[in-house]
C-alpha atoms as a PDB file:
ATOM      1  CA  MET A   1      -0.026   0.044   0.078  1.00  0.00           C
ATOM      2  CA  LEU A   2       1.276   3.503  -0.919  1.00  0.00           C
ATOM      3  CA  GLY A   3       2.193   5.626   2.169  1.00  0.00           C
ATOM      4  CA  ARG A   4      -0.285   8.359   1.134  1.00  0.00           C
ATOM      5  CA  VAL A   5      -3.141   5.848   0.921  1.00  0.00           C
ATOM      6  CA  ALA A   6      -2.233   4.480   4.386  1.00  0.00           C
ATOM      7  CA  ASN A   7      -2.020   7.925   5.745  1.00  0.00           C
ATOM      8  CA  GLY A   8      -5.392   8.933   4.172  1.00  0.00           C
ATOM      9  CA  ILE A   9      -7.180   5.860   5.605  1.00  0.00           C
ATOM     10  CA  PHE A  10      -5.612   6.343   9.007  1.00  0.00           C
ATOM     11  CA  TRP A  11      -6.608   9.932   9.233  1.00  0.00           C
ATOM     12  CA  MET A  12     -10.003   9.484   7.827  1.00  0.00           C
ATOM     13  CA  TYR A  13     -11.017   7.153  10.748  1.00  0.00           C
ATOM     14  CA  ARG A  14      -9.178   9.355  13.167  1.00  0.00           C
ATOM     15  CA  TYR A  15     -11.362  12.334  12.135  1.00  0.00           C
ATOM     16  CA  LEU A  16     -14.592  10.209  12.275  1.00  0.00           C
ATOM     17  CA  GLU A  17     -13.734   9.051  15.792  1.00  0.00           C
ATOM     18  CA  ARG A  18     -12.808  12.589  16.854  1.00  0.00           C
ATOM     19  CA  ALA A  19     -15.936  14.075  15.502  1.00  0.00           C
ATOM     20  CA  GLU A  20     -17.993  11.512  17.416  1.00  0.00           C
ATOM     21  CA  ASN A  21     -16.025  11.992  20.722  1.00  0.00           C
ATOM     22  CA  THR A  22     -16.458  15.675  20.413  1.00  0.00           C
ATOM     23  CA  ALA A  23     -20.116  15.384  19.962  1.00  0.00           C
ATOM     24  CA  ARG A  24     -20.393  13.080  23.014  1.00  0.00           C
ATOM     25  CA  LEU A  25     -18.383  15.468  25.140  1.00  0.00           C
ATOM     26  CA  LEU A  26     -20.611  18.370  24.077  1.00  0.00           C
ATOM     27  CA  GLU A  27     -23.812  16.484  24.884  1.00  0.00           C
ATOM     28  CA  ALA A  28     -22.541  15.558  28.284  1.00  0.00           C
ATOM     29  CA  GLY A  29     -21.382  19.199  29.038  1.00  0.00           C
ATOM     30  CA  HIS A  30     -24.812  20.432  27.871  1.00  0.00           C
ATOM     31  CA  ARG A  31     -26.687  17.895  30.077  1.00  0.00           C
ATOM     32  CA  MET A  32     -24.665  19.027  33.176  1.00  0.00           C
ATOM     33  CA  THR A  33     -25.468  22.743  32.543  1.00  0.00           C
ATOM     34  CA  LEU A  34     -29.241  22.165  32.428  1.00  0.00           C
ATOM     35  CA  THR A  35     -29.190  21.721  36.297  1.00  0.00           C
ATOM     36  CA  ARG A  36     -26.574  24.482  37.085  1.00  0.00           C
ATOM     37  CA  GLY A  37     -26.590  28.305  37.703  1.00  0.00           C
ATOM     38  CA  ALA A  38     -25.162  30.472  35.228  1.00  0.00           C
ATOM     39  CA  ASP A  39     -21.748  30.563  36.927  1.00  0.00           C
ATOM     40  CA  MET A  40     -21.348  26.818  37.223  1.00  0.00           C
ATOM     41  CA  ALA A  41     -22.675  26.444  33.647  1.00  0.00           C
ATOM     42  CA  SER A  42     -19.854  28.674  32.514  1.00  0.00           C
ATOM     43  CA  LYS A  43     -17.246  26.610  34.266  1.00  0.00           C
ATOM     44  CA  GLU A  44     -18.676  23.484  32.572  1.00  0.00           C
ATOM     45  CA  TRP A  45     -18.394  24.912  29.269  1.00  0.00           C
ATOM     46  CA  LYS A  46     -14.760  26.050  30.007  1.00  0.00           C
ATOM     47  CA  SER A  47     -13.889  22.558  31.021  1.00  0.00           C
ATOM     48  CA  VAL A  48     -15.237  21.209  27.798  1.00  0.00           C
ATOM     49  CA  LEU A  49     -13.095  23.495  25.777  1.00  0.00           C
ATOM     50  CA  THR A  50     -10.134  22.582  27.976  1.00  0.00           C
ATOM     51  CA  THR A  51     -10.615  18.854  27.390  1.00  0.00           C
ATOM     52  CA  LEU A  52     -10.763  19.574  23.474  1.00  0.00           C
ATOM     53  CA  GLY A  53      -7.619  21.632  23.621  1.00  0.00           C
ATOM     54  CA  LEU A  54      -9.697  24.668  22.259  1.00  0.00           C
ATOM     55  CA  ARG A  55      -9.647  27.203  25.245  1.00  0.00           C
ATOM     56  CA  LYS A  56      -7.028  29.478  23.909  1.00  0.00           C
ATOM     57  CA  ALA A  57      -8.546  29.611  20.339  1.00  0.00           C
ATOM     58  CA  TYR A  58     -12.054  30.169  21.775  1.00  0.00           C
ATOM     59  CA  GLU A  59     -10.912  32.953  24.160  1.00  0.00           C
ATOM     60  CA  ALA A  60      -9.124  34.808  21.331  1.00  0.00           C
ATOM     61  CA  ILE A  61     -12.516  35.605  19.885  1.00  0.00           C
ATOM     62  CA  HIS A  62     -15.020  35.297  22.854  1.00  0.00           C
ATOM     63  CA  ASP A  63     -15.136  37.005  26.248  1.00  0.00           C
ATOM     64  CA  ASP A  64     -17.741  34.675  27.918  1.00  0.00           C
ATOM     65  CA  TYR A  65     -18.602  30.901  28.117  1.00  0.00           C
ATOM     66  CA  THR A  66     -22.244  30.726  27.051  1.00  0.00           C
ATOM     67  CA  GLY A  67     -23.514  27.371  25.734  1.00  0.00           C
ATOM     68  CA  ALA A  68     -24.503  28.842  22.293  1.00  0.00           C
ATOM     69  CA  SER A  69     -21.203  30.382  21.742  1.00  0.00           C
ATOM     70  CA  VAL A  70     -19.086  27.332  22.833  1.00  0.00           C
ATOM     71  CA  CYS A  71     -21.203  24.848  20.760  1.00  0.00           C
ATOM     72  CA  ASP A  72     -21.160  27.018  17.789  1.00  0.00           C
ATOM     73  CA  PHE A  73     -17.525  27.467  17.981  1.00  0.00           C
ATOM     74  CA  VAL A  74     -16.670  23.752  18.506  1.00  0.00           C
ATOM     75  CA  LEU A  75     -19.127  22.502  15.802  1.00  0.00           C
ATOM     76  CA  ARG A  76     -18.787  24.998  12.967  1.00  0.00           C
ATOM     77  CA  SER A  77     -16.868  28.200  13.566  1.00  0.00           C
ATOM     78  CA  LYS A  78     -14.494  29.305  10.684  1.00  0.00           C
ATOM     79  CA  HIS A  79     -12.145  30.462  13.421  1.00  0.00           C
ATOM     80  CA  ASN A  80     -11.797  26.927  14.573  1.00  0.00           C
ATOM     81  CA  PRO A  81      -9.770  24.736  12.278  1.00  0.00           C
ATOM     82  CA  GLU A  82     -10.648  21.748  14.434  1.00  0.00           C
ATOM     83  CA  SER A  83     -14.417  22.190  14.326  1.00  0.00           C
ATOM     84  CA  VAL A  84     -16.527  19.094  13.859  1.00  0.00           C
ATOM     85  CA  LEU A  85     -17.387  20.324  10.363  1.00  0.00           C
ATOM     86  CA  GLN A  86     -13.847  20.559   9.480  1.00  0.00           C
ATOM     87  CA  MET A  87     -13.230  16.953  10.859  1.00  0.00           C
ATOM     88  CA  MET A  88     -16.026  15.599   8.621  1.00  0.00           C
ATOM     89  CA  GLU A  89     -14.657  17.429   5.791  1.00  0.00           C
ATOM     90  CA  GLY A  90     -11.195  16.084   6.535  1.00  0.00           C
ATOM     91  CA  ALA A  91     -12.677  12.596   6.698  1.00  0.00           C
ATOM     92  CA  ARG A  92     -14.409  12.981   3.290  1.00  0.00           C
ATOM     93  CA  THR A  93     -11.266  14.502   1.712  1.00  0.00           C
ATOM     94  CA  ASN A  94      -9.341  11.530   2.815  1.00  0.00           C
ATOM     95  CA  ALA A  95     -11.952   9.104   1.707  1.00  0.00           C
ATOM     96  CA  ARG A  96     -12.004  10.615  -1.796  1.00  0.00           C
ATOM     97  CA  VAL A  97      -8.224  10.372  -2.065  1.00  0.00           C
ATOM     98  CA  CYS A  98      -8.491   6.699  -0.999  1.00  0.00           C
ATOM     99  CA  ARG A  99     -11.549   5.737  -3.155  1.00  0.00           C
ATOM    100  CA  SER A 100      -9.858   2.702  -4.715  1.00  0.00           C
ATOM    101  CA  ALA A 101      -9.031   1.444  -1.303  1.00  0.00           C
ATOM    102  CA  ILE A 102     -12.501   1.537   0.308  1.00  0.00           C
ATOM    103  CA  THR A 103     -15.780   0.172  -0.577  1.00  0.00           C
ATOM    104  CA  MET A 104     -18.743   2.004  -2.327  1.00  0.00           C
ATOM    105  CA  GLU A 105     -20.555   1.638   0.912  1.00  0.00           C
ATOM    106  CA  VAL A 106     -17.828   3.431   3.022  1.00  0.00           C
ATOM    107  CA  TRP A 107     -17.531   6.177   0.497  1.00  0.00           C
ATOM    108  CA  GLU A 108     -21.362   6.735   0.389  1.00  0.00           C
ATOM    109  CA  ALA A 109     -21.516   6.619   4.192  1.00  0.00           C
ATOM    110  CA  VAL A 110     -18.877   9.224   4.715  1.00  0.00           C
ATOM    111  CA  ASN A 111     -19.867  11.485   1.712  1.00  0.00           C
ATOM    112  CA  GLU A 112     -23.499  11.583   2.742  1.00  0.00           C
ATOM    113  CA  GLY A 113     -22.553  12.209   6.414  1.00  0.00           C
ATOM    114  CA  TRP A 114     -20.497  15.160   5.365  1.00  0.00           C
ATOM    115  CA  MET A 115     -23.423  16.494   3.332  1.00  0.00           C
ATOM    116  CA  THR A 116     -25.874  16.046   6.001  1.00  0.00           C
ATOM    117  CA  LEU A 117     -23.784  17.873   8.571  1.00  0.00           C
ATOM    118  CA  ARG A 118     -22.815  20.599   6.223  1.00  0.00           C
ATOM    119  CA  GLU A 119     -26.560  21.358   5.853  1.00  0.00           C
ATOM    120  CA  LEU A 120     -27.253  21.102   9.580  1.00  0.00           C
ATOM    121  CA  LEU A 121     -24.253  23.432  10.359  1.00  0.00           C
ATOM    122  CA  CYS A 122     -24.852  26.119   7.667  1.00  0.00           C
ATOM    123  CA  ARG A 123     -26.471  28.104  10.379  1.00  0.00           C
ATOM    124  CA  PRO A 124     -25.437  29.128  13.866  1.00  0.00           C
ATOM    125  CA  VAL A 125     -25.988  26.364  16.519  1.00  0.00           C
ATOM    126  CA  ARG A 126     -28.106  27.245  19.476  1.00  0.00           C
ATOM    127  CA  GLU A 127     -28.929  25.180  22.556  1.00  0.00           C
ATOM    128  CA  SER A 128     -32.348  24.804  21.529  1.00  0.00           C
ATOM    129  CA  ASN A 129     -31.303  22.827  18.289  1.00  0.00           C
ATOM    130  CA  LEU A 130     -28.184  21.248  19.799  1.00  0.00           C
ATOM    131  CA  ASN A 131     -29.349  17.780  20.528  1.00  0.00           C
ATOM    132  CA  PRO A 132     -30.561  16.895  16.947  1.00  0.00           C
ATOM    133  CA  VAL A 133     -27.202  18.239  15.575  1.00  0.00           C
ATOM    134  CA  LEU A 134     -25.081  16.064  18.083  1.00  0.00           C
ATOM    135  CA  ALA A 135     -27.296  13.107  17.298  1.00  0.00           C
ATOM    136  CA  ALA A 136     -26.519  13.442  13.726  1.00  0.00           C
ATOM    137  CA  VAL A 137     -22.784  13.572  14.166  1.00  0.00           C
ATOM    138  CA  ARG A 138     -22.931  10.449  16.304  1.00  0.00           C
ATOM    139  CA  ARG A 139     -25.097   8.728  13.700  1.00  0.00           C
ATOM    140  CA  GLU A 140     -22.965   9.588  10.723  1.00  0.00           C
ATOM    141  CA  SER A 141     -19.826   8.423  12.314  1.00  0.00           C
ATOM    142  CA  THR A 142     -21.488   5.230  13.361  1.00  0.00           C
ATOM    143  CA  LEU A 143     -22.791   4.590   9.899  1.00  0.00           C
ATOM    144  CA  ALA A 144     -19.393   4.980   8.433  1.00  0.00           C
ATOM    145  CA  ARG A 145     -17.936   2.532  10.924  1.00  0.00           C
ATOM    146  CA  GLY A 146     -20.706   0.082  10.239  1.00  0.00           C
ATOM    147  CA  ALA A 147     -20.074   0.222   6.647  1.00  0.00           C
ATOM    148  CA  THR A 148     -16.465  -0.452   7.201  1.00  0.00           C
ATOM    149  CA  HIS A 149     -17.105  -3.522   9.423  1.00  0.00           C
ATOM    150  CA  GLY A 150     -19.772  -4.754   7.056  1.00  0.00           C
ATOM    151  CA  SER A 151     -18.229  -4.381   3.603  1.00  0.00           C
ATOM    152  CA  MET A 152     -14.450  -4.075   3.829  1.00  0.00           C
ATOM    153  CA  LEU A 153     -11.732  -6.944   3.312  1.00  0.00           C
ATOM    154  CA  ARG A 154      -9.828  -7.478   6.531  1.00  0.00           C
ATOM    155  CA  ASN A 155      -6.650  -6.322   4.691  1.00  0.00           C
ATOM    156  CA  GLU A 156      -4.077  -3.413   5.205  1.00  0.00           C
ATOM    157  CA  THR A 157      -6.773  -0.884   4.599  1.00  0.00           C
ATOM    158  CA  TYR A 158      -8.940  -2.245   7.422  1.00  0.00           C
ATOM    159  CA  ILE A 159      -5.935  -2.463   9.711  1.00  0.00           C
ATOM    160  CA  PHE A 160      -5.080   1.224   9.285  1.00  0.00           C
ATOM    161  CA  ALA A 161      -8.660   2.201   9.738  1.00  0.00           C
ATOM    162  CA  ARG A 162      -8.683   0.369  13.020  1.00  0.00           C
ATOM    163  CA  LEU A 163      -5.468   1.806  14.103  1.00  0.00           C
ATOM    164  CA  GLY A 164      -6.664   5.281  13.546  1.00  0.00           C
ATOM    165  CA  THR A 165     -10.018   4.614  15.229  1.00  0.00           C
ATOM    166  CA  PHE A 166      -8.467   3.137  18.478  1.00  0.00           C
ATOM    167  CA  LEU A 167      -5.480   5.543  18.729  1.00  0.00           C
ATOM    168  CA  GLU A 168      -7.920   8.421  18.565  1.00  0.00           C
ATOM    169  CA  ARG A 169     -10.292   6.768  21.045  1.00  0.00           C
ATOM    170  CA  ALA A 170      -7.626   6.010  23.518  1.00  0.00           C
ATOM    171  CA  ASP A 171      -6.512   9.764  23.370  1.00  0.00           C
ATOM    172  CA  SER A 172      -9.933  10.964  23.830  1.00  0.00           C
ATOM    173  CA  THR A 173     -10.558   8.657  26.983  1.00  0.00           C
ATOM    174  CA  ALA A 174      -7.290   9.744  28.556  1.00  0.00           C
ATOM    175  CA  ARG A 175      -7.955  13.379  28.104  1.00  0.00           C
ATOM    176  CA  ILE A 176     -11.471  13.371  29.373  1.00  0.00           C
ATOM    177  CA  LEU A 177     -10.376  11.400  32.562  1.00  0.00           C
ATOM    178  CA  ASP A 178      -7.445  13.635  33.076  1.00  0.00           C
ATOM    179  CA  VAL A 179      -9.369  17.013  32.859  1.00  0.00           C
ATOM    180  CA  LYS A 180     -12.081  15.678  35.036  1.00  0.00           C
ATOM    181  CA  TYR A 181      -9.610  14.744  37.821  1.00  0.00           C
ATOM    182  CA  TYR A 182      -7.727  18.126  37.749  1.00  0.00           C
ATOM    183  CA  LEU A 183     -10.025  20.820  36.323  1.00  0.00           C
ATOM    184  CA  LEU A 184     -13.637  20.103  36.508  1.00  0.00           C
ATOM    185  CA  LEU A 185     -13.943  20.055  40.358  1.00  0.00           C
ATOM    186  CA  PRO A 186     -13.822  23.720  41.628  1.00  0.00           C
ATOM    187  CA  SER A 187     -12.439  22.626  44.969  1.00  0.00           C
ATOM    188  CA  LEU A 188     -11.314  19.381  46.727  1.00  0.00           C
ATOM    189  CA  SER A 189     -13.994  20.104  49.294  1.00  0.00           C
ATOM    190  CA  TYR A 190     -16.567  19.098  46.631  1.00  0.00           C
ATOM    191  CA  VAL A 191     -15.058  15.452  46.455  1.00  0.00           C
ATOM    192  CA  GLY A 192     -17.888  12.947  47.404  1.00  0.00           C
ATOM    193  CA  THR A 193     -20.647  15.600  47.092  1.00  0.00           C
ATOM    194  CA  PRO A 194     -23.618  15.458  44.596  1.00  0.00           C
ATOM    195  CA  LEU A 195     -21.721  17.843  42.534  1.00  0.00           C
ATOM    196  CA  ASP A 196     -18.755  15.535  42.383  1.00  0.00           C
ATOM    197  CA  SER A 197     -20.967  12.429  41.506  1.00  0.00           C
ATOM    198  CA  GLY A 198     -22.741  14.606  38.823  1.00  0.00           C
ATOM    199  CA  GLN A 199     -19.453  15.350  37.216  1.00  0.00           C
ATOM    200  CA  TRP A 200     -18.229  11.758  37.213  1.00  0.00           C
ATOM    201  CA  ASP A 201     -21.672  10.869  35.713  1.00  0.00           C
ATOM    202  CA  SER A 202     -20.884  13.377  32.943  1.00  0.00           C
ATOM    203  CA  VAL A 203     -17.620  11.726  32.125  1.00  0.00           C
ATOM    204  CA  LEU A 204     -19.255   8.286  31.868  1.00  0.00           C
ATOM    205  CA  ARG A 205     -21.946   9.566  29.677  1.00  0.00           C
ATOM    206  CA  SER A 206     -19.295  11.305  27.344  1.00  0.00           C
ATOM    207  CA  LEU A 207     -17.712   7.900  26.870  1.00  0.00           C
ATOM    208  CA  SER A 208     -21.013   5.996  26.464  1.00  0.00           C
ATOM    209  CA  ALA A 209     -19.964   4.228  29.678  1.00  0.00           C
ATOM    210  CA  GLU A 210     -22.625   5.001  32.175  1.00  0.00           C
ATOM    211  CA  ARG A 211     -24.938   1.874  31.646  1.00  0.00           C
ATOM    212  CA  ALA A 212     -21.967  -0.496  31.593  1.00  0.00           C
ATOM    213  CA  TYR A 213     -20.278   0.958  34.563  1.00  0.00           C
ATOM    214  CA  ARG A 214     -23.485   1.037  36.665  1.00  0.00           C
ATOM    215  CA  TRP A 215     -24.242  -2.502  35.662  1.00  0.00           C
ATOM    216  CA  LEU A 216     -20.886  -3.656  36.880  1.00  0.00           C
ATOM    217  CA  ASN A 217     -20.695  -1.534  39.993  1.00  0.00           C
ATOM    218  CA  ALA A 218     -24.309  -1.594  41.161  1.00  0.00           C
ATOM    219  CA  GLY A 219     -24.613   2.146  40.944  1.00  0.00           C
ATOM    220  CA  GLN A 220     -21.550   2.953  43.186  1.00  0.00           C
ATOM    221  CA  MET A 221     -19.750   5.988  42.062  1.00  0.00           C
ATOM    222  CA  SER A 222     -16.124   6.647  42.960  1.00  0.00           C
ATOM    223  CA  ALA A 223     -13.088   8.210  41.270  1.00  0.00           C
ATOM    224  CA  ARG A 224     -11.089   5.099  41.887  1.00  0.00           C
ATOM    225  CA  SER A 225     -13.612   2.643  40.470  1.00  0.00           C
ATOM    226  CA  ILE A 226     -14.348   4.752  37.491  1.00  0.00           C
ATOM    227  CA  ALA A 227     -10.629   5.183  36.706  1.00  0.00           C
ATOM    228  CA  GLU A 228     -10.225   1.569  36.934  1.00  0.00           C
ATOM    229  CA  PHE A 229     -13.080   0.912  34.539  1.00  0.00           C
ATOM    230  CA  LEU A 230     -11.934   3.446  32.006  1.00  0.00           C
ATOM    231  CA  ILE A 231      -8.399   2.643  32.162  1.00  0.00           C
ATOM    232  CA  LEU A 232      -7.929  -1.121  32.873  1.00  0.00           C
ATOM    233  CA  ASP A 233     -11.303  -2.973  32.006  1.00  0.00           C
ATOM    234  CA  ALA A 234     -10.569  -4.625  28.663  1.00  0.00           C
ATOM    235  CA  ARG A 235     -14.283  -5.551  28.268  1.00  0.00           C
ATOM    236  CA  PHE A 236     -15.219  -1.847  27.691  1.00  0.00           C
ATOM    237  CA  PRO A 237     -14.521  -0.740  24.091  1.00  0.00           C
ATOM    238  CA  ARG A 238     -13.465   2.824  25.074  1.00  0.00           C
ATOM    239  CA  SER A 239     -11.131   1.828  27.953  1.00  0.00           C
ATOM    240  CA  LEU A 240      -7.421   2.310  27.412  1.00  0.00           C
ATOM    241  CA  ALA A 241      -6.739  -1.277  27.884  1.00  0.00           C
ATOM    242  CA  PHE A 242      -9.208  -2.287  25.109  1.00  0.00           C
ATOM    243  CA  CYS A 243      -8.031   0.319  22.692  1.00  0.00           C
ATOM    244  CA  TYR A 244      -4.427  -0.791  23.112  1.00  0.00           C
ATOM    245  CA  ALA A 245      -5.373  -4.460  22.876  1.00  0.00           C
ATOM    246  CA  GLU A 246      -6.919  -3.782  19.532  1.00  0.00           C
ATOM    247  CA  MET A 247      -3.951  -1.749  18.367  1.00  0.00           C
ATOM    248  CA  ARG A 248      -1.449  -4.379  19.530  1.00  0.00           C
ATOM    249  CA  SER A 249      -3.329  -7.068  17.391  1.00  0.00           C
ATOM    250  CA  ASN A 250      -3.502  -4.847  14.421  1.00  0.00           C
ATOM    251  CA  LEU A 251       0.170  -3.914  14.493  1.00  0.00           C
ATOM    252  CA  PHE A 252       1.014  -7.471  14.887  1.00  0.00           C
ATOM    253  CA  ASP A 253      -1.014  -8.277  11.814  1.00  0.00           C
ATOM    254  CA  LEU A 254       0.781  -5.504   9.875  1.00  0.00           C
ATOM    255  CA  ALA A 255       4.165  -6.852  10.833  1.00  0.00           C
ATOM    256  CA  LYS A 256       3.128 -10.331   9.488  1.00  0.00           C
ATOM    257  CA  LEU A 257       2.052  -8.708   6.179  1.00  0.00           C
ATOM    258  CA  HIS A 258       5.254  -6.909   5.853  1.00  0.00           C
ATOM    259  CA  GLY A 259       7.515  -9.689   7.099  1.00  0.00           C
ATOM    260  CA  GLU A 260       9.334  -7.429   9.685  1.00  0.00           C
ATOM    261  CA  SER A 261       8.535  -5.476  12.769  1.00  0.00           C
ATOM    262  CA  GLY A 262       9.494  -1.832  13.069  1.00  0.00           C
ATOM    263  CA  LYS A 263       9.595   1.103  15.418  1.00  0.00           C
ATOM    264  CA  ALA A 264       5.782   1.173  15.667  1.00  0.00           C
ATOM    265  CA  GLN A 265       5.749  -2.353  17.117  1.00  0.00           C
ATOM    266  CA  GLU A 266       8.570  -1.462  19.518  1.00  0.00           C
ATOM    267  CA  GLN A 267       6.775   1.665  20.642  1.00  0.00           C
ATOM    268  CA  MET A 268       3.543  -0.283  21.067  1.00  0.00           C
ATOM    269  CA  ARG A 269       5.282  -2.900  23.311  1.00  0.00           C
ATOM    270  CA  ALA A 270       6.905  -0.045  25.412  1.00  0.00           C
ATOM    271  CA  ALA A 271       3.539   1.583  25.858  1.00  0.00           C
ATOM    272  CA  ASP A 272       1.757  -1.580  26.492  1.00  0.00           C
ATOM    273  CA  MET A 273       3.921  -2.478  29.200  1.00  0.00           C
ATOM    274  CA  LYS A 274       2.754   0.497  31.235  1.00  0.00           C
ATOM    275  CA  LEU A 275      -0.686  -0.981  31.158  1.00  0.00           C
ATOM    276  CA  VAL A 276      -0.116  -4.768  31.467  1.00  0.00           C
ATOM    277  CA  ASP A 277      -0.409  -6.186  34.950  1.00  0.00           C
ATOM    278  CA  LYS A 278      -1.037  -2.666  36.320  1.00  0.00           C
ATOM    279  CA  SER A 279      -3.647  -2.240  39.150  1.00  0.00           C
ATOM    280  CA  VAL A 280      -5.608   0.979  39.919  1.00  0.00           C
ATOM    281  CA  ASP A 281      -3.651   1.173  43.164  1.00  0.00           C
ATOM    282  CA  ASP A 282      -0.414   1.295  41.231  1.00  0.00           C
ATOM    283  CA  ILE A 283      -1.817   4.134  39.045  1.00  0.00           C
ATOM    284  CA  PHE A 284      -2.969   6.242  41.874  1.00  0.00           C
ATOM    285  CA  ASP A 285       0.235   5.703  43.653  1.00  0.00           C
ATOM    286  CA  GLN A 286       2.082   6.911  40.580  1.00  0.00           C
ATOM    287  CA  GLY A 287      -0.484   9.690  40.406  1.00  0.00           C
ATOM    288  CA  LEU A 288      -3.424   9.545  38.007  1.00  0.00           C
ATOM    289  CA  HIS A 289      -2.605  12.944  36.311  1.00  0.00           C
ATOM    290  CA  GLN A 290       1.077  11.763  35.672  1.00  0.00           C
ATOM    291  CA  PHE A 291      -0.050   8.462  34.477  1.00  0.00           C
ATOM    292  CA  LEU A 292      -2.405   9.930  31.962  1.00  0.00           C
ATOM    293  CA  LEU A 293       0.071  12.703  30.850  1.00  0.00           C
ATOM    294  CA  GLU A 294       2.575   9.739  30.029  1.00  0.00           C
ATOM    295  CA  PHE A 295      -0.077   7.805  28.279  1.00  0.00           C
ATOM    296  CA  ILE A 296      -1.093  10.678  26.035  1.00  0.00           C
ATOM    297  CA  ALA A 297       2.573  11.427  25.250  1.00  0.00           C
ATOM    298  CA  ASP A 298       3.199   7.627  24.413  1.00  0.00           C
ATOM    299  CA  ASN A 299       0.152   7.638  22.206  1.00  0.00           C
ATOM    300  CA  ARG A 300       1.477  10.539  20.243  1.00  0.00           C
ATOM    301  CA  LEU A 301       4.800   8.862  19.872  1.00  0.00           C
ATOM    302  CA  LEU A 302       3.051   5.707  18.778  1.00  0.00           C
ATOM    303  CA  ALA A 303       1.191   7.694  16.023  1.00  0.00           C
ATOM    304  CA  GLU A 304       4.427   9.132  14.778  1.00  0.00           C
ATOM    305  CA  ALA A 305       6.094   5.760  14.790  1.00  0.00           C
ATOM    306  CA  ILE A 306       3.281   4.381  12.633  1.00  0.00           C
ATOM    307  CA  ALA A 307       3.606   7.360  10.157  1.00  0.00           C
ATOM    308  CA  THR A 308       7.410   6.795   9.995  1.00  0.00           C
ATOM    309  CA  ASP A 309       7.261   3.145   9.495  1.00  0.00           C
ATOM    310  CA  TYR A 310       4.654   3.056   6.849  1.00  0.00           C
ATOM    311  CA  ARG A 311       5.883   6.180   4.932  1.00  0.00           C
ATOM    312  CA  PHE A 312       2.837   8.334   5.476  1.00  0.00           C
ATOM    313  CA  THR A 313       4.468  11.117   3.623  1.00  0.00           C
ATOM    314  CA  ALA A 314       5.302   9.025   0.511  1.00  0.00           C
END
């Protein structure tokens, strides 16, 4: 496979996953603000922007943190090169470049998804019409992923699609968990209060994890058990352990196809060792924030190693 095709597939699925994760985070933030006063709602929207890494860009053109302004900026603003609309356009552009490597079903799903969202986001987004827009983002990403699973050969193209998906998903889970633990709570005095529980509930909802977590934990809500679930529980498809198990398998398959291992497999093993046989107590002893910062850095190095090994610039 040509490097530019591998790059296109990899980033196409990263953009699709990132768009969906962004929609889920906005939805969770919006749900939290519905029961808050204006001051707390503003802090909630600020935390959403912090998680997405967009706070500086937002503050360059806005002075306050209203739901309408934040949602419009994240979803469609021309001042935001990482808006959801730009992500979907990026996914479509890469799909068009790689038309020969994907099926007609995948191309149609991505192209129709982009057209649907372009129409929905041609006007400013208000809180009153936010839920239908976010539902559409999730739906279009899911349809593209479903078309991929249902129509594509399990070959190199599929492997790069999976690598892009799970690398992006792991990064999103780590960032959401890190921001919650260090930025969402206004004070340590709130730990264990209804406000704290509500924010942890928001984290679980933003990762589609609430029902699974409550089923496994009988409704108990604590930072330690939630961190263990989102980091180490390999049964949950958005946990760090699950994402890395999928990436490990796909990188092994790539090595078999190419007849050799490279820096990507080496980086995968190094990153994987920091999760294997680790307990939640080990993580909290190290410091959850420090652990997540290292994970995010390792994830970035892994993406760079994949790009280097498989000549994404070729």
